[in-house]
C-alpha atoms as a PDB file:
ATOM      1  CA  UNK A   1      52.973 -46.505 -16.613  1.00  0.00           C
ATOM      2  CA  UNK A   2      55.025 -46.795 -19.859  1.00  0.00           C
ATOM      3  CA  UNK A   3      58.761 -47.757 -19.506  1.00  0.00           C
ATOM      4  CA  UNK A   4      59.750 -44.268 -20.092  1.00  0.00           C
ATOM      5  CA  UNK A   5      57.941 -42.806 -17.275  1.00  0.00           C
ATOM      6  CA  UNK A   6      58.815 -45.122 -14.978  1.00  0.00           C
ATOM      7  CA  UNK A   7      62.504 -44.844 -16.086  1.00  0.00           C
ATOM      8  CA  UNK A   8      61.776 -40.544 -15.630  1.00  0.00           C
ATOM      9  CA  UNK A   9      60.293 -41.383 -12.209  1.00  0.00           C
ATOM     10  CA  UNK A  10      63.182 -43.666 -10.783  1.00  0.00           C
ATOM     11  CA  UNK A  11      65.911 -41.319 -12.729  1.00  0.00           C
ATOM     12  CA  UNK A  12      67.181 -44.358 -14.897  1.00  0.00           C
ATOM     13  CA  UNK A  13      67.372 -44.806 -18.203  1.00  0.00           C
ATOM     14  CA  UNK A  14      64.574 -46.736 -20.818  1.00  0.00           C
ATOM     15  CA  UNK A  15      67.211 -48.855 -21.377  1.00  0.00           C
ATOM     16  CA  UNK A  16      67.760 -49.771 -17.832  1.00  0.00           C
ATOM     17  CA  UNK A  17      64.224 -50.608 -17.214  1.00  0.00           C
ATOM     18  CA  UNK A  18      64.108 -52.828 -20.265  1.00  0.00           C
ATOM     19  CA  UNK A  19      67.007 -54.746 -18.801  1.00  0.00           C
ATOM     20  CA  UNK A  20      65.358 -54.867 -15.231  1.00  0.00           C
ATOM     21  CA  UNK A  21      62.086 -56.521 -16.723  1.00  0.00           C
ATOM     22  CA  UNK A  22      64.178 -58.885 -18.988  1.00  0.00           C
ATOM     23  CA  UNK A  23      66.441 -59.750 -15.996  1.00  0.00           C
ATOM     24  CA  UNK A  24      69.515 -58.845 -17.163  1.00  0.00           C
ATOM     25  CA  UNK A  25      70.156 -57.054 -14.426  1.00  0.00           C
ATOM     26  CA  UNK A  26      68.294 -55.668 -11.246  1.00  0.00           C
ATOM     27  CA  UNK A  27      68.063 -52.425  -9.557  1.00  0.00           C
ATOM     28  CA  UNK A  28      70.468 -52.056  -6.669  1.00  0.00           C
ATOM     29  CA  UNK A  29      70.847 -49.288  -4.239  1.00  0.00           C
ATOM     30  CA  UNK A  30      67.763 -46.257  -3.880  1.00  0.00           C
ATOM     31  CA  UNK A  31      65.928 -47.902  -6.868  1.00  0.00           C
ATOM     32  CA  UNK A  32      65.987 -51.243  -5.296  1.00  0.00           C
ATOM     33  CA  UNK A  33      64.516 -50.295  -1.766  1.00  0.00           C
ATOM     34  CA  UNK A  34      61.760 -48.022  -3.953  1.00  0.00           C
ATOM     35  CA  UNK A  35      60.773 -50.445  -6.008  1.00  0.00           C
ATOM     36  CA  UNK A  36      60.774 -52.480  -2.797  1.00  0.00           C
ATOM     37  CA  UNK A  37      58.730 -49.962  -0.762  1.00  0.00           C
ATOM     38  CA  UNK A  38      56.042 -50.643  -3.754  1.00  0.00           C
ATOM     39  CA  UNK A  39      56.078 -53.836  -3.902  1.00  0.00           C
ATOM     40  CA  UNK A  40      55.123 -54.132  -0.046  1.00  0.00           C
ATOM     41  CA  UNK A  41      52.198 -52.029  -0.772  1.00  0.00           C
ATOM     42  CA  UNK A  42      53.331 -49.352   1.885  1.00  0.00           C
ATOM     43  CA  UNK A  43      53.321 -46.215  -0.493  1.00  0.00           C
ATOM     44  CA  UNK A  44      52.260 -44.559   2.667  1.00  0.00           C
ATOM     45  CA  UNK A  45      55.612 -44.224   4.096  1.00  0.00           C
ATOM     46  CA  UNK A  46      56.843 -42.119   0.678  1.00  0.00           C
ATOM     47  CA  UNK A  47      55.595 -38.548   1.344  1.00  0.00           C
ATOM     48  CA  UNK A  48      57.080 -37.861  -1.637  1.00  0.00           C
ATOM     49  CA  UNK A  49      54.908 -39.663  -4.294  1.00  0.00           C
ATOM     50  CA  UNK A  50      51.287 -38.822  -4.641  1.00  0.00           C
ATOM     51  CA  UNK A  51      49.130 -41.980  -5.545  1.00  0.00           C
ATOM     52  CA  UNK A  52      45.961 -41.355  -7.029  1.00  0.00           C
END
């Protein structure tokens, strides 16, 4: 997934995703929670996400 696609999915700018990846900033709030769920491999908890 590209940074642009991921940014659109998360509802943030591409620059925000770049900052997260470089460690300049960290996701907070809902973005942080969503990333934690994905990192834990619990995608099934996200009924609105279509995982193929």
